[in-house]
Amino acid sequence: MDLLIAPIIIFLIIVAPIWLILHYRSKRQVSQGLTEEEFSQLNQLIAQAEKMGNRIETLENILDTESPEWRAKHEHS
């Protein structure tokens, strides 16, 4: 029992307050929503994803034309 007292006291004095501060800071940031920079980054990622989707669709169309059985080959792999 005496062995547990020191770690518990250290936890309550040092770890718990830091943990609570970080927890509530992150909750506040989440409730505030996206910053302008994060919103801009999100829009850039959306644009990149759309470009990649278009490129993949184009590549699949090319493969469908040049090698119609390519899908069946890769489904069995």
PDB file of N, CA and C in Angstrom:
ATOM      1  N   MET A   1       0.824  -1.195   0.000  1.00  0.00           N
ATOM      2  CA  MET A   1       0.000   0.000   0.000  1.00  0.00           C
ATOM      3  C   MET A   1       0.863   1.251   0.000  1.00  0.00           C
ATOM      4  N   ASP A   2       1.938   1.256   0.780  1.00  0.00           N
ATOM      5  CA  ASP A   2       2.820   2.422   0.842  1.00  0.00           C
ATOM      6  C   ASP A   2       3.519   2.666  -0.485  1.00  0.00           C
ATOM      7  N   LEU A   3       3.716   1.600  -1.252  1.00  0.00           N
ATOM      8  CA  LEU A   3       4.360   1.740  -2.556  1.00  0.00           C
ATOM      9  C   LEU A   3       3.508   2.544  -3.532  1.00  0.00           C
ATOM     10  N   LEU A   4       2.209   2.490  -3.391  1.00  0.00           N
ATOM     11  CA  LEU A   4       1.314   3.169  -4.318  1.00  0.00           C
ATOM     12  C   LEU A   4       1.103   4.639  -3.989  1.00  0.00           C
ATOM     13  N   ILE A   5       1.372   5.045  -2.790  1.00  0.00           N
ATOM     14  CA  ILE A   5       1.091   6.423  -2.381  1.00  0.00           C
ATOM     15  C   ILE A   5       1.917   7.432  -3.165  1.00  0.00           C
ATOM     16  N   ALA A   6       3.208   7.203  -3.318  1.00  0.00           N
ATOM     17  CA  ALA A   6       4.073   8.152  -4.037  1.00  0.00           C
ATOM     18  C   ALA A   6       3.656   8.312  -5.502  1.00  0.00           C
ATOM     19  N   PRO A   7       3.453   7.228  -6.266  1.00  0.00           N
ATOM     20  CA  PRO A   7       3.015   7.402  -7.655  1.00  0.00           C
ATOM     21  C   PRO A   7       1.656   8.102  -7.769  1.00  0.00           C
ATOM     22  N   ILE A   8       0.753   7.808  -6.848  1.00  0.00           N
ATOM     23  CA  ILE A   8      -0.559   8.452  -6.881  1.00  0.00           C
ATOM     24  C   ILE A   8      -0.434   9.942  -6.632  1.00  0.00           C
ATOM     25  N   ILE A   9       0.383  10.342  -5.666  1.00  0.00           N
ATOM     26  CA  ILE A   9       0.588  11.760  -5.369  1.00  0.00           C
ATOM     27  C   ILE A   9       1.234  12.464  -6.560  1.00  0.00           C
ATOM     28  N   ILE A  10       2.243  11.840  -7.158  1.00  0.00           N
ATOM     29  CA  ILE A  10       2.903  12.432  -8.328  1.00  0.00           C
ATOM     30  C   ILE A  10       1.903  12.587  -9.472  1.00  0.00           C
ATOM     31  N   PHE A  11       1.069  11.561  -9.663  1.00  0.00           N
ATOM     32  CA  PHE A  11       0.060  11.639 -10.723  1.00  0.00           C
ATOM     33  C   PHE A  11      -0.897  12.800 -10.467  1.00  0.00           C
ATOM     34  N   LEU A  12      -1.390  12.921  -9.253  1.00  0.00           N
ATOM     35  CA  LEU A  12      -2.374  13.952  -8.934  1.00  0.00           C
ATOM     36  C   LEU A  12      -1.787  15.357  -8.992  1.00  0.00           C
ATOM     37  N   ILE A  13      -0.516  15.506  -8.657  1.00  0.00           N
ATOM     38  CA  ILE A  13       0.095  16.837  -8.626  1.00  0.00           C
ATOM     39  C   ILE A  13       0.607  17.261 -10.002  1.00  0.00           C
ATOM     40  N   ILE A  14       1.164  16.330 -10.782  1.00  0.00           N
ATOM     41  CA  ILE A  14       1.816  16.698 -12.046  1.00  0.00           C
ATOM     42  C   ILE A  14       1.007  16.266 -13.263  1.00  0.00           C
ATOM     43  N   VAL A  15       0.704  15.009 -13.364  1.00  0.00           N
ATOM     44  CA  VAL A  15       0.107  14.468 -14.586  1.00  0.00           C
ATOM     45  C   VAL A  15      -1.346  14.904 -14.770  1.00  0.00           C
ATOM     46  N   ALA A  16      -2.167  14.770 -13.747  1.00  0.00           N
ATOM     47  CA  ALA A  16      -3.593  15.081 -13.867  1.00  0.00           C
ATOM     48  C   ALA A  16      -3.857  16.526 -14.301  1.00  0.00           C
ATOM     49  N   PRO A  17      -3.217  17.535 -13.688  1.00  0.00           N
ATOM     50  CA  PRO A  17      -3.487  18.912 -14.152  1.00  0.00           C
ATOM     51  C   PRO A  17      -3.089  19.144 -15.608  1.00  0.00           C
ATOM     52  N   ILE A  18      -1.947  18.624 -16.013  1.00  0.00           N
ATOM     53  CA  ILE A  18      -1.508  18.781 -17.402  1.00  0.00           C
ATOM     54  C   ILE A  18      -2.501  18.098 -18.338  1.00  0.00           C
ATOM     55  N   TRP A  19      -2.912  16.911 -17.963  1.00  0.00           N
ATOM     56  CA  TRP A  19      -3.872  16.154 -18.741  1.00  0.00           C
ATOM     57  C   TRP A  19      -5.181  16.935 -18.892  1.00  0.00           C
ATOM     58  N   LEU A  20      -5.689  17.488 -17.804  1.00  0.00           N
ATOM     59  CA  LEU A  20      -6.930  18.258 -17.853  1.00  0.00           C
ATOM     60  C   LEU A  20      -6.782  19.516 -18.714  1.00  0.00           C
ATOM     61  N   ILE A  21      -5.673  20.218 -18.572  1.00  0.00           N
ATOM     62  CA  ILE A  21      -5.446  21.432 -19.362  1.00  0.00           C
ATOM     63  C   ILE A  21      -5.437  21.101 -20.847  1.00  0.00           C
ATOM     64  N   LEU A  22      -4.685  20.074 -21.229  1.00  0.00           N
ATOM     65  CA  LEU A  22      -4.616  19.691 -22.644  1.00  0.00           C
ATOM     66  C   LEU A  22      -5.972  19.211 -23.161  1.00  0.00           C
ATOM     67  N   HIS A  23      -6.700  18.488 -22.329  1.00  0.00           N
ATOM     68  CA  HIS A  23      -8.011  17.983 -22.739  1.00  0.00           C
ATOM     69  C   HIS A  23      -8.962  19.133 -23.033  1.00  0.00           C
ATOM     70  N   TYR A  24      -9.071  20.074 -22.126  1.00  0.00           N
ATOM     71  CA  TYR A  24     -10.021  21.171 -22.329  1.00  0.00           C
ATOM     72  C   TYR A  24      -9.554  22.155 -23.395  1.00  0.00           C
ATOM     73  N   ARG A  25      -8.255  22.290 -23.581  1.00  0.00           N
ATOM     74  CA  ARG A  25      -7.752  23.131 -24.672  1.00  0.00           C
ATOM     75  C   ARG A  25      -8.155  22.531 -26.012  1.00  0.00           C
ATOM     76  N   SER A  26      -8.005  21.214 -26.150  1.00  0.00           N
ATOM     77  CA  SER A  26      -8.377  20.575 -27.418  1.00  0.00           C
ATOM     78  C   SER A  26      -9.890  20.635 -27.631  1.00  0.00           C
ATOM     79  N   LYS A  27     -10.681  20.499 -26.569  1.00  0.00           N
ATOM     80  CA  LYS A  27     -12.134  20.620 -26.704  1.00  0.00           C
ATOM     81  C   LYS A  27     -12.519  22.019 -27.170  1.00  0.00           C
ATOM     82  N   ARG A  28     -11.852  23.041 -26.645  1.00  0.00           N
ATOM     83  CA  ARG A  28     -12.154  24.416 -27.035  1.00  0.00           C
ATOM     84  C   ARG A  28     -11.812  24.640 -28.502  1.00  0.00           C
ATOM     85  N   GLN A  29     -10.676  24.098 -28.940  1.00  0.00           N
ATOM     86  CA  GLN A  29     -10.279  24.259 -30.339  1.00  0.00           C
ATOM     87  C   GLN A  29     -11.270  23.580 -31.272  1.00  0.00           C
ATOM     88  N   VAL A  30     -11.763  22.414 -30.886  1.00  0.00           N
ATOM     89  CA  VAL A  30     -12.729  21.703 -31.715  1.00  0.00           C
ATOM     90  C   VAL A  30     -14.034  22.494 -31.794  1.00  0.00           C
ATOM     91  N   SER A  31     -14.455  23.061 -30.687  1.00  0.00           N
ATOM     92  CA  SER A  31     -15.717  23.794 -30.684  1.00  0.00           C
ATOM     93  C   SER A  31     -15.626  25.102 -31.459  1.00  0.00           C
ATOM     94  N   GLN A  32     -14.424  25.638 -31.627  1.00  0.00           N
ATOM     95  CA  GLN A  32     -14.252  26.878 -32.373  1.00  0.00           C
ATOM     96  C   GLN A  32     -14.326  26.656 -33.877  1.00  0.00           C
ATOM     97  N   GLY A  33     -14.174  25.435 -34.329  1.00  0.00           N
ATOM     98  CA  GLY A  33     -14.238  25.141 -35.758  1.00  0.00           C
ATOM     99  C   GLY A  33     -12.878  25.310 -36.417  1.00  0.00           C
ATOM    100  N   LEU A  34     -12.900  25.358 -37.737  1.00  0.00           N
ATOM    101  CA  LEU A  34     -11.669  25.447 -38.522  1.00  0.00           C
ATOM    102  C   LEU A  34     -11.161  26.880 -38.581  1.00  0.00           C
ATOM    103  N   THR A  35      -9.838  27.008 -38.542  1.00  0.00           N
ATOM    104  CA  THR A  35      -9.243  28.318 -38.760  1.00  0.00           C
ATOM    105  C   THR A  35      -9.246  28.591 -40.264  1.00  0.00           C
ATOM    106  N   GLU A  36      -8.933  29.818 -40.646  1.00  0.00           N
ATOM    107  CA  GLU A  36      -8.876  30.173 -42.072  1.00  0.00           C
ATOM    108  C   GLU A  36      -7.851  29.299 -42.801  1.00  0.00           C
ATOM    109  N   GLU A  37      -6.691  29.085 -42.152  1.00  0.00           N
ATOM    110  CA  GLU A  37      -5.633  28.277 -42.766  1.00  0.00           C
ATOM    111  C   GLU A  37      -6.095  26.833 -42.950  1.00  0.00           C
ATOM    112  N   GLU A  38      -6.744  26.267 -41.917  1.00  0.00           N
ATOM    113  CA  GLU A  38      -7.234  24.898 -42.014  1.00  0.00           C
ATOM    114  C   GLU A  38      -8.320  24.777 -43.091  1.00  0.00           C
ATOM    115  N   PHE A  39      -9.187  25.787 -43.172  1.00  0.00           N
ATOM    116  CA  PHE A  39     -10.234  25.778 -44.185  1.00  0.00           C
ATOM    117  C   PHE A  39      -9.631  25.830 -45.582  1.00  0.00           C
ATOM    118  N   SER A  40      -8.584  26.654 -45.748  1.00  0.00           N
ATOM    119  CA  SER A  40      -7.891  26.758 -47.028  1.00  0.00           C
ATOM    120  C   SER A  40      -7.230  25.428 -47.390  1.00  0.00           C
ATOM    121  N   GLN A  41      -6.572  24.812 -46.405  1.00  0.00           N
ATOM    122  CA  GLN A  41      -5.933  23.515 -46.648  1.00  0.00           C
ATOM    123  C   GLN A  41      -6.963  22.462 -47.021  1.00  0.00           C
ATOM    124  N   LEU A  42      -8.114  22.487 -46.354  1.00  0.00           N
ATOM    125  CA  LEU A  42      -9.177  21.533 -46.652  1.00  0.00           C
ATOM    126  C   LEU A  42      -9.674  21.704 -48.082  1.00  0.00           C
ATOM    127  N   ASN A  43      -9.853  22.947 -48.495  1.00  0.00           N
ATOM    128  CA  ASN A  43     -10.289  23.201 -49.874  1.00  0.00           C
ATOM    129  C   ASN A  43      -9.253  22.754 -50.891  1.00  0.00           C
ATOM    130  N   GLN A  44      -7.970  22.948 -50.579  1.00  0.00           N
ATOM    131  CA  GLN A  44      -6.905  22.481 -51.473  1.00  0.00           C
ATOM    132  C   GLN A  44      -6.916  20.963 -51.578  1.00  0.00           C
ATOM    133  N   LEU A  45      -7.111  20.284 -50.446  1.00  0.00           N
ATOM    134  CA  LEU A  45      -7.168  18.826 -50.462  1.00  0.00           C
ATOM    135  C   LEU A  45      -8.376  18.327 -51.250  1.00  0.00           C
ATOM    136  N   ILE A  46      -9.500  19.007 -51.119  1.00  0.00           N
ATOM    137  CA  ILE A  46     -10.690  18.629 -51.891  1.00  0.00           C
ATOM    138  C   ILE A  46     -10.423  18.772 -53.384  1.00  0.00           C
ATOM    139  N   ALA A  47      -9.788  19.885 -53.777  1.00  0.00           N
ATOM    140  CA  ALA A  47      -9.471  20.111 -55.191  1.00  0.00           C
ATOM    141  C   ALA A  47      -8.508  19.042 -55.709  1.00  0.00           C
ATOM    142  N   GLN A  48      -7.498  18.701 -54.904  1.00  0.00           N
ATOM    143  CA  GLN A  48      -6.544  17.664 -55.312  1.00  0.00           C
ATOM    144  C   GLN A  48      -7.241  16.317 -55.444  1.00  0.00           C
ATOM    145  N   ALA A  49      -8.148  16.007 -54.525  1.00  0.00           N
ATOM    146  CA  ALA A  49      -8.874  14.734 -54.589  1.00  0.00           C
ATOM    147  C   ALA A  49      -9.742  14.668 -55.843  1.00  0.00           C
ATOM    148  N   GLU A  50     -10.376  15.781 -56.191  1.00  0.00           N
ATOM    149  CA  GLU A  50     -11.187  15.808 -57.406  1.00  0.00           C
ATOM    150  C   GLU A  50     -10.327  15.612 -58.646  1.00  0.00           C
ATOM    151  N   LYS A  51      -9.148  16.261 -58.684  1.00  0.00           N
ATOM    152  CA  LYS A  51      -8.234  16.070 -59.820  1.00  0.00           C
ATOM    153  C   LYS A  51      -7.801  14.615 -59.921  1.00  0.00           C
ATOM    154  N   MET A  52      -7.434  14.025 -58.767  1.00  0.00           N
ATOM    155  CA  MET A  52      -7.000  12.631 -58.782  1.00  0.00           C
ATOM    156  C   MET A  52      -8.134  11.722 -59.242  1.00  0.00           C
ATOM    157  N   GLY A  53      -9.356  11.999 -58.790  1.00  0.00           N
ATOM    158  CA  GLY A  53     -10.506  11.206 -59.224  1.00  0.00           C
ATOM    159  C   GLY A  53     -10.709  11.283 -60.719  1.00  0.00           C
ATOM    160  N   ASN A  54     -10.569  12.500 -61.278  1.00  0.00           N
ATOM    161  CA  ASN A  54     -10.697  12.666 -62.734  1.00  0.00           C
ATOM    162  C   ASN A  54      -9.592  11.931 -63.472  1.00  0.00           C
ATOM    163  N   ARG A  55      -8.383  11.992 -62.947  1.00  0.00           N
ATOM    164  CA  ARG A  55      -7.258  11.296 -63.595  1.00  0.00           C
ATOM    165  C   ARG A  55      -7.459   9.783 -63.558  1.00  0.00           C
ATOM    166  N   ILE A  56      -7.915   9.273 -62.431  1.00  0.00           N
ATOM    167  CA  ILE A  56      -8.151   7.830 -62.317  1.00  0.00           C
ATOM    168  C   ILE A  56      -9.242   7.400 -63.301  1.00  0.00           C
ATOM    169  N   GLU A  57     -10.297   8.199 -63.374  1.00  0.00           N
ATOM    170  CA  GLU A  57     -11.382   7.886 -64.316  1.00  0.00           C
ATOM    171  C   GLU A  57     -10.867   7.880 -65.754  1.00  0.00           C
ATOM    172  N   THR A  58     -10.030   8.857 -66.103  1.00  0.00           N
ATOM    173  CA  THR A  58      -9.451   8.922 -67.451  1.00  0.00           C
ATOM    174  C   THR A  58      -8.573   7.699 -67.718  1.00  0.00           C
ATOM    175  N   LEU A  59      -7.731   7.352 -66.747  1.00  0.00           N
ATOM    176  CA  LEU A  59      -6.864   6.176 -66.915  1.00  0.00           C
ATOM    177  C   LEU A  59      -7.689   4.901 -67.066  1.00  0.00           C
ATOM    178  N   GLU A  60      -8.751   4.761 -66.287  1.00  0.00           N
ATOM    179  CA  GLU A  60      -9.607   3.585 -66.409  1.00  0.00           C
ATOM    180  C   GLU A  60     -10.283   3.532 -67.775  1.00  0.00           C
ATOM    181  N   ASN A  61     -10.703   4.688 -68.278  1.00  0.00           N
ATOM    182  CA  ASN A  61     -11.306   4.719 -69.621  1.00  0.00           C
ATOM    183  C   ASN A  61     -10.299   4.305 -70.682  1.00  0.00           C
ATOM    184  N   ILE A  62      -9.053   4.785 -70.562  1.00  0.00           N
ATOM    185  CA  ILE A  62      -7.995   4.394 -71.504  1.00  0.00           C
ATOM    186  C   ILE A  62      -7.761   2.895 -71.429  1.00  0.00           C
ATOM    187  N   LEU A  63      -7.653   2.360 -70.206  1.00  0.00           N
ATOM    188  CA  LEU A  63      -7.440   0.923 -70.047  1.00  0.00           C
ATOM    189  C   LEU A  63      -8.626   0.121 -70.590  1.00  0.00           C
ATOM    190  N   ASP A  64      -9.840   0.606 -70.372  1.00  0.00           N
ATOM    191  CA  ASP A  64     -11.022  -0.084 -70.897  1.00  0.00           C
ATOM    192  C   ASP A  64     -10.972  -0.170 -72.413  1.00  0.00           C
ATOM    193  N   THR A  65     -10.463   0.890 -73.057  1.00  0.00           N
ATOM    194  CA  THR A  65     -10.379   0.920 -74.515  1.00  0.00           C
ATOM    195  C   THR A  65      -9.255   0.028 -75.021  1.00  0.00           C
ATOM    196  N   GLU A  66      -8.086   0.143 -74.413  1.00  0.00           N
ATOM    197  CA  GLU A  66      -6.912  -0.571 -74.914  1.00  0.00           C
ATOM    198  C   GLU A  66      -6.817  -2.009 -74.427  1.00  0.00           C
ATOM    199  N   SER A  67      -7.346  -2.293 -73.256  1.00  0.00           N
ATOM    200  CA  SER A  67      -7.250  -3.640 -72.698  1.00  0.00           C
ATOM    201  C   SER A  67      -8.521  -3.942 -71.896  1.00  0.00           C
ATOM    202  N   PRO A  68      -9.605  -4.289 -72.604  1.00  0.00           N
ATOM    203  CA  PRO A  68     -10.916  -4.449 -71.959  1.00  0.00           C
ATOM    204  C   PRO A  68     -10.939  -5.468 -70.812  1.00  0.00           C
ATOM    205  N   GLU A  69     -10.030  -6.418 -70.823  1.00  0.00           N
ATOM    206  CA  GLU A  69     -10.068  -7.446 -69.776  1.00  0.00           C
ATOM    207  C   GLU A  69      -9.190  -7.115 -68.564  1.00  0.00           C
ATOM    208  N   TRP A  70      -8.703  -5.896 -68.471  1.00  0.00           N
ATOM    209  CA  TRP A  70      -7.802  -5.540 -67.362  1.00  0.00           C
ATOM    210  C   TRP A  70      -8.487  -5.613 -66.001  1.00  0.00           C
ATOM    211  N   ARG A  71      -9.753  -5.285 -65.945  1.00  0.00           N
ATOM    212  CA  ARG A  71     -10.459  -5.333 -64.659  1.00  0.00           C
ATOM    213  C   ARG A  71     -10.575  -6.762 -64.150  1.00  0.00           C
ATOM    214  N   ALA A  72     -10.902  -7.682 -65.027  1.00  0.00           N
ATOM    215  CA  ALA A  72     -11.048  -9.082 -64.628  1.00  0.00           C
ATOM    216  C   ALA A  72      -9.721  -9.660 -64.163  1.00  0.00           C
ATOM    217  N   LYS A  73      -8.631  -9.251 -64.798  1.00  0.00           N
ATOM    218  CA  LYS A  73      -7.313  -9.740 -64.409  1.00  0.00           C
ATOM    219  C   LYS A  73      -6.964  -9.288 -62.999  1.00  0.00           C
ATOM    220  N   HIS A  74      -7.288  -8.052 -62.638  1.00  0.00           N
ATOM    221  CA  HIS A  74      -6.900  -7.505 -61.332  1.00  0.00           C
ATOM    222  C   HIS A  74      -7.872  -7.879 -60.222  1.00  0.00           C
ATOM    223  N   GLU A  75      -9.093  -8.288 -60.581  1.00  0.00           N
ATOM    224  CA  GLU A  75     -10.034  -8.735 -59.569  1.00  0.00           C
ATOM    225  C   GLU A  75      -9.637 -10.100 -59.018  1.00  0.00           C
ATOM    226  N   HIS A  76      -8.994 -10.925 -59.841  1.00  0.00           N
ATOM    227  CA  HIS A  76      -8.586 -12.258 -59.402  1.00  0.00           C
ATOM    228  C   HIS A  76      -7.255 -12.246 -58.681  1.00  0.00           C
ATOM    229  N   SER A  77      -6.511 -11.179 -58.777  1.00  0.00           N
ATOM    230  CA  SER A  77      -5.180 -11.115 -58.149  1.00  0.00           C
ATOM    231  C   SER A  77      -5.283 -10.907 -56.671  1.00  0.00           C
TER     232      SER A  77
END
